[in-house]
C-alpha atoms as a PDB file:
ATOM      1  CA  UNK A   1      59.084  60.432  72.682  1.00  0.00           C
ATOM      2  CA  UNK A   2      55.599  59.240  73.741  1.00  0.00           C
ATOM      3  CA  UNK A   3      55.346  57.273  70.492  1.00  0.00           C
ATOM      4  CA  UNK A   4      58.712  55.597  71.153  1.00  0.00           C
ATOM      5  CA  UNK A   5      57.631  54.757  74.714  1.00  0.00           C
ATOM      6  CA  UNK A   6      54.356  53.334  73.500  1.00  0.00           C
ATOM      7  CA  UNK A   7      55.620  51.321  70.511  1.00  0.00           C
ATOM      8  CA  UNK A   8      59.245  50.573  71.352  1.00  0.00           C
ATOM      9  CA  UNK A   9      60.148  50.664  75.047  1.00  0.00           C
ATOM     10  CA  UNK A  10      57.875  51.692  77.944  1.00  0.00           C
ATOM     11  CA  UNK A  11      60.909  52.378  80.181  1.00  0.00           C
ATOM     12  CA  UNK A  12      62.605  54.769  77.717  1.00  0.00           C
ATOM     13  CA  UNK A  13      62.577  57.817  80.048  1.00  0.00           C
ATOM     14  CA  UNK A  14      64.105  55.839  82.922  1.00  0.00           C
ATOM     15  CA  UNK A  15      66.751  54.408  80.595  1.00  0.00           C
ATOM     16  CA  UNK A  16      67.692  57.876  79.322  1.00  0.00           C
ATOM     17  CA  UNK A  17      67.905  59.251  82.885  1.00  0.00           C
ATOM     18  CA  UNK A  18      70.129  56.314  83.882  1.00  0.00           C
ATOM     19  CA  UNK A  19      72.332  56.853  80.816  1.00  0.00           C
ATOM     20  CA  UNK A  20      72.582  60.571  81.609  1.00  0.00           C
ATOM     21  CA  UNK A  21      73.685  59.858  85.194  1.00  0.00           C
ATOM     22  CA  UNK A  22      76.283  57.297  84.049  1.00  0.00           C
ATOM     23  CA  UNK A  23      77.715  59.676  81.426  1.00  0.00           C
ATOM     24  CA  UNK A  24      77.875  62.516  83.982  1.00  0.00           C
ATOM     25  CA  UNK A  25      79.800  60.328  86.430  1.00  0.00           C
ATOM     26  CA  UNK A  26      82.191  59.125  83.730  1.00  0.00           C
ATOM     27  CA  UNK A  27      82.698  62.694  82.509  1.00  0.00           C
ATOM     28  CA  UNK A  28      83.610  63.799  86.042  1.00  0.00           C
ATOM     29  CA  UNK A  29      86.037  60.858  86.343  1.00  0.00           C
ATOM     30  CA  UNK A  30      87.674  61.625  82.971  1.00  0.00           C
ATOM     31  CA  UNK A  31      87.944  65.303  83.882  1.00  0.00           C
ATOM     32  CA  UNK A  32      89.718  64.420  87.138  1.00  0.00           C
ATOM     33  CA  UNK A  33      92.123  62.121  85.258  1.00  0.00           C
ATOM     34  CA  UNK A  34      92.773  64.817  82.658  1.00  0.00           C
ATOM     35  CA  UNK A  35      93.564  67.419  85.334  1.00  0.00           C
ATOM     36  CA  UNK A  36      96.071  65.075  87.022  1.00  0.00           C
ATOM     37  CA  UNK A  37      97.640  64.132  83.672  1.00  0.00           C
ATOM     38  CA  UNK A  38      97.837  67.816  82.678  1.00  0.00           C
ATOM     39  CA  UNK A  39      99.706  68.633  85.898  1.00  0.00           C
ATOM     40  CA  UNK A  40     102.134  65.759  85.215  1.00  0.00           C
ATOM     41  CA  UNK A  41     102.685  66.552  81.521  1.00  0.00           C
ATOM     42  CA  UNK A  42     102.990  70.332  81.834  1.00  0.00           C
ATOM     43  CA  UNK A  43     106.675  71.247  81.896  1.00  0.00           C
ATOM     44  CA  UNK A  44     106.145  74.998  81.876  1.00  0.00           C
ATOM     45  CA  UNK A  45     103.015  76.874  82.834  1.00  0.00           C
ATOM     46  CA  UNK A  46     102.759  80.593  82.257  1.00  0.00           C
ATOM     47  CA  UNK A  47      99.681  82.713  81.782  1.00  0.00           C
ATOM     48  CA  UNK A  48     100.299  82.947  78.031  1.00  0.00           C
ATOM     49  CA  UNK A  49     102.090  79.665  77.339  1.00  0.00           C
ATOM     50  CA  UNK A  50     102.112  75.969  78.294  1.00  0.00           C
ATOM     51  CA  UNK A  51     104.600  73.305  77.244  1.00  0.00           C
ATOM     52  CA  UNK A  52     103.528  69.665  77.479  1.00  0.00           C
ATOM     53  CA  UNK A  53     106.071  66.817  77.649  1.00  0.00           C
ATOM     54  CA  UNK A  54     105.645  64.865  74.403  1.00  0.00           C
ATOM     55  CA  UNK A  55     106.660  61.313  75.472  1.00  0.00           C
ATOM     56  CA  UNK A  56     103.942  61.351  78.124  1.00  0.00           C
ATOM     57  CA  UNK A  57     101.422  62.635  75.576  1.00  0.00           C
ATOM     58  CA  UNK A  58     102.247  59.841  73.132  1.00  0.00           C
ATOM     59  CA  UNK A  59     101.318  57.193  75.706  1.00  0.00           C
ATOM     60  CA  UNK A  60      97.919  58.732  76.544  1.00  0.00           C
ATOM     61  CA  UNK A  61      94.646  57.249  75.409  1.00  0.00           C
ATOM     62  CA  UNK A  62      93.135  59.386  72.586  1.00  0.00           C
ATOM     63  CA  UNK A  63      90.187  60.458  74.779  1.00  0.00           C
ATOM     64  CA  UNK A  64      92.530  61.569  77.560  1.00  0.00           C
ATOM     65  CA  UNK A  65      94.847  63.267  75.052  1.00  0.00           C
ATOM     66  CA  UNK A  66      91.911  65.289  73.707  1.00  0.00           C
ATOM     67  CA  UNK A  67      91.048  66.436  77.211  1.00  0.00           C
ATOM     68  CA  UNK A  68      94.703  67.311  77.920  1.00  0.00           C
ATOM     69  CA  UNK A  69      94.775  69.439  74.793  1.00  0.00           C
ATOM     70  CA  UNK A  70      91.554  71.160  75.823  1.00  0.00           C
ATOM     71  CA  UNK A  71      93.076  71.869  79.273  1.00  0.00           C
ATOM     72  CA  UNK A  72      96.199  73.355  77.669  1.00  0.00           C
ATOM     73  CA  UNK A  73      94.133  75.591  75.361  1.00  0.00           C
ATOM     74  CA  UNK A  74      91.878  76.611  78.242  1.00  0.00           C
ATOM     75  CA  UNK A  75      94.940  77.472  80.358  1.00  0.00           C
ATOM     76  CA  UNK A  76      96.332  79.777  77.667  1.00  0.00           C
ATOM     77  CA  UNK A  77      93.099  81.124  76.170  1.00  0.00           C
ATOM     78  CA  UNK A  78      90.926  81.018  79.358  1.00  0.00           C
ATOM     79  CA  UNK A  79      87.993  79.600  77.365  1.00  0.00           C
ATOM     80  CA  UNK A  80      87.327  77.125  74.579  1.00  0.00           C
ATOM     81  CA  UNK A  81      85.151  79.321  72.364  1.00  0.00           C
ATOM     82  CA  UNK A  82      85.936  78.792  68.705  1.00  0.00           C
ATOM     83  CA  UNK A  83      87.824  75.532  69.343  1.00  0.00           C
ATOM     84  CA  UNK A  84      86.276  72.653  67.426  1.00  0.00           C
ATOM     85  CA  UNK A  85      86.757  68.899  67.384  1.00  0.00           C
ATOM     86  CA  UNK A  86      88.748  69.326  64.155  1.00  0.00           C
ATOM     87  CA  UNK A  87      91.191  71.653  65.949  1.00  0.00           C
ATOM     88  CA  UNK A  88      91.687  69.044  68.696  1.00  0.00           C
ATOM     89  CA  UNK A  89      92.201  66.270  66.103  1.00  0.00           C
ATOM     90  CA  UNK A  90      94.763  68.401  64.231  1.00  0.00           C
ATOM     91  CA  UNK A  91      96.640  69.096  67.479  1.00  0.00           C
ATOM     92  CA  UNK A  92      96.619  65.380  68.357  1.00  0.00           C
ATOM     93  CA  UNK A  93      98.132  64.646  64.950  1.00  0.00           C
ATOM     94  CA  UNK A  94     100.727  67.403  65.453  1.00  0.00           C
ATOM     95  CA  UNK A  95     101.678  66.120  68.913  1.00  0.00           C
ATOM     96  CA  UNK A  96     101.940  62.432  68.026  1.00  0.00           C
ATOM     97  CA  UNK A  97     102.768  62.121  64.313  1.00  0.00           C
ATOM     98  CA  UNK A  98     104.055  65.417  62.869  1.00  0.00           C
ATOM     99  CA  UNK A  99     107.803  66.139  62.686  1.00  0.00           C
ATOM    100  CA  UNK A 100     109.318  68.818  64.957  1.00  0.00           C
ATOM    101  CA  UNK A 101     109.126  72.403  63.753  1.00  0.00           C
ATOM    102  CA  UNK A 102     105.487  72.263  62.643  1.00  0.00           C
ATOM    103  CA  UNK A 103     102.796  74.519  64.097  1.00  0.00           C
ATOM    104  CA  UNK A 104      99.052  75.216  63.971  1.00  0.00           C
ATOM    105  CA  UNK A 105      97.307  78.547  64.370  1.00  0.00           C
ATOM    106  CA  UNK A 106      94.027  78.492  66.284  1.00  0.00           C
ATOM    107  CA  UNK A 107      91.361  81.167  66.839  1.00  0.00           C
ATOM    108  CA  UNK A 108      92.132  84.089  69.181  1.00  0.00           C
ATOM    109  CA  UNK A 109      95.852  84.240  68.357  1.00  0.00           C
ATOM    110  CA  UNK A 110      96.717  80.806  69.815  1.00  0.00           C
ATOM    111  CA  UNK A 111      99.626  78.936  68.240  1.00  0.00           C
ATOM    112  CA  UNK A 112     100.400  75.283  68.947  1.00  0.00           C
ATOM    113  CA  UNK A 113     103.825  74.162  67.886  1.00  0.00           C
ATOM    114  CA  UNK A 114     106.076  71.169  68.201  1.00  0.00           C
ATOM    115  CA  UNK A 115     109.590  72.373  68.978  1.00  0.00           C
ATOM    116  CA  UNK A 116     111.156  68.966  69.659  1.00  0.00           C
ATOM    117  CA  UNK A 117     110.451  67.031  72.845  1.00  0.00           C
ATOM    118  CA  UNK A 118     107.204  68.791  73.694  1.00  0.00           C
ATOM    119  CA  UNK A 119     104.089  70.372  72.407  1.00  0.00           C
ATOM    120  CA  UNK A 120     103.735  74.057  73.192  1.00  0.00           C
ATOM    121  CA  UNK A 121     100.601  76.189  73.337  1.00  0.00           C
ATOM    122  CA  UNK A 122     101.232  79.916  73.145  1.00  0.00           C
ATOM    123  CA  UNK A 123      99.009  82.981  72.940  1.00  0.00           C
ATOM    124  CA  UNK A 124     100.178  85.778  70.681  1.00  0.00           C
ATOM    125  CA  UNK A 125     100.702  88.761  72.946  1.00  0.00           C
ATOM    126  CA  UNK A 126     100.585  91.509  70.417  1.00  0.00           C
ATOM    127  CA  UNK A 127      97.796  92.107  67.911  1.00  0.00           C
ATOM    128  CA  UNK A 128     100.299  93.559  65.408  1.00  0.00           C
ATOM    129  CA  UNK A 129     101.402  90.095  64.286  1.00  0.00           C
ATOM    130  CA  UNK A 130     104.400  89.511  66.529  1.00  0.00           C
ATOM    131  CA  UNK A 131     104.300  86.229  68.448  1.00  0.00           C
ATOM    132  CA  UNK A 132     106.649  87.585  71.091  1.00  0.00           C
ATOM    133  CA  UNK A 133     104.994  90.955  71.594  1.00  0.00           C
ATOM    134  CA  UNK A 134     106.643  94.288  70.972  1.00  0.00           C
ATOM    135  CA  UNK A 135     109.230  93.896  73.728  1.00  0.00           C
ATOM    136  CA  UNK A 136     107.260  96.362  75.838  1.00  0.00           C
ATOM    137  CA  UNK A 137     104.707  95.929  78.547  1.00  0.00           C
ATOM    138  CA  UNK A 138     101.388  94.651  77.173  1.00  0.00           C
ATOM    139  CA  UNK A 139      99.776  98.085  77.476  1.00  0.00           C
ATOM    140  CA  UNK A 140     102.560  99.913  75.607  1.00  0.00           C
ATOM    141  CA  UNK A 141     102.774  97.066  73.073  1.00  0.00           C
ATOM    142  CA  UNK A 142      99.122  97.529  72.204  1.00  0.00           C
ATOM    143  CA  UNK A 143      99.604 101.305  72.079  1.00  0.00           C
ATOM    144  CA  UNK A 144     102.581 100.862  69.735  1.00  0.00           C
ATOM    145  CA  UNK A 145     100.509  98.560  67.506  1.00  0.00           C
ATOM    146  CA  UNK A 146      97.657 101.031  67.523  1.00  0.00           C
ATOM    147  CA  UNK A 147     100.071 103.827  66.547  1.00  0.00           C
ATOM    148  CA  UNK A 148     101.350 101.730  63.632  1.00  0.00           C
ATOM    149  CA  UNK A 149      97.810 100.962  62.523  1.00  0.00           C
ATOM    150  CA  UNK A 150      96.825 104.625  62.850  1.00  0.00           C
ATOM    151  CA  UNK A 151      99.880 105.707  60.853  1.00  0.00           C
ATOM    152  CA  UNK A 152      99.083 103.172  58.106  1.00  0.00           C
ATOM    153  CA  UNK A 153      95.466 104.314  58.070  1.00  0.00           C
ATOM    154  CA  UNK A 154      96.425 107.983  57.646  1.00  0.00           C
ATOM    155  CA  UNK A 155      98.928 107.131  54.904  1.00  0.00           C
ATOM    156  CA  UNK A 156      96.155 105.240  53.140  1.00  0.00           C
ATOM    157  CA  UNK A 157      93.761 108.206  53.527  1.00  0.00           C
ATOM    158  CA  UNK A 158      96.446 110.592  52.256  1.00  0.00           C
ATOM    159  CA  UNK A 159      97.038 108.425  49.179  1.00  0.00           C
ATOM    160  CA  UNK A 160      93.285 108.178  48.609  1.00  0.00           C
ATOM    161  CA  UNK A 161      92.941 111.988  48.826  1.00  0.00           C
ATOM    162  CA  UNK A 162      95.738 112.431  46.281  1.00  0.00           C
ATOM    163  CA  UNK A 163      93.968 110.091  43.867  1.00  0.00           C
ATOM    164  CA  UNK A 164      90.693 111.936  44.377  1.00  0.00           C
ATOM    165  CA  UNK A 165      92.464 115.278  43.807  1.00  0.00           C
ATOM    166  CA  UNK A 166      94.054 113.972  40.592  1.00  0.00           C
ATOM    167  CA  UNK A 167      90.663 112.700  39.444  1.00  0.00           C
ATOM    168  CA  UNK A 168      88.995 116.081  39.991  1.00  0.00           C
ATOM    169  CA  UNK A 169      91.860 117.875  38.240  1.00  0.00           C
ATOM    170  CA  UNK A 170      91.314 115.680  35.202  1.00  0.00           C
ATOM    171  CA  UNK A 171      87.555 116.259  35.336  1.00  0.00           C
ATOM    172  CA  UNK A 172      88.137 120.016  35.657  1.00  0.00           C
ATOM    173  CA  UNK A 173      90.477 120.041  32.635  1.00  0.00           C
ATOM    174  CA  UNK A 174      87.990 118.032  30.603  1.00  0.00           C
ATOM    175  CA  UNK A 175      85.150 120.381  31.518  1.00  0.00           C
ATOM    176  CA  UNK A 176      87.294 123.438  30.793  1.00  0.00           C
ATOM    177  CA  UNK A 177      88.289 122.099  27.388  1.00  0.00           C
ATOM    178  CA  UNK A 178      84.682 121.220  26.643  1.00  0.00           C
ATOM    179  CA  UNK A 179      83.483 124.708  27.592  1.00  0.00           C
ATOM    180  CA  UNK A 180      86.193 126.311  25.435  1.00  0.00           C
ATOM    181  CA  UNK A 181      85.315 124.029  22.554  1.00  0.00           C
ATOM    182  CA  UNK A 182      81.642 124.856  22.785  1.00  0.00           C
ATOM    183  CA  UNK A 183      82.281 128.615  23.027  1.00  0.00           C
ATOM    184  CA  UNK A 184      84.278 128.501  19.796  1.00  0.00           C
ATOM    185  CA  UNK A 185      81.395 126.898  17.896  1.00  0.00           C
END
């Protein structure tokens, strides 16, 4: 930086501070616009799902549309960890250009789909793979999934033990035959 100030522009630090202030103000303005647009476009808001009205999304500027998508994901997921620019670009394509019936799966069990006149963001309730949960309360749904996983795990262990038992039976027979063969000689 000192070399750039010396050889290129003596007011570089002031210019960068000014640019930083301008970008911060514009970011705050865009965030305010995005919040208002999100409230207007959101048809349904639940803790685990949001549906955005597609015709309003199609008329948005791409920068505002990206922020709307981020708001929708943040509403459902409560954070944006694991969400990249590529995810946002794919969702923009889904919302504006893809035919109805298509969907995208995002990190942390978030699914974005285009049912028809809207774009929906939904969090998978149940870790067992069901997008609608297990038709129980969240606590019992997770317990039911855990029971299924535990049952599968024990069936796997049982099968593994049977294979190990068969292996040792074969080894025992081979050793027994070898001992008998050697005792004859």
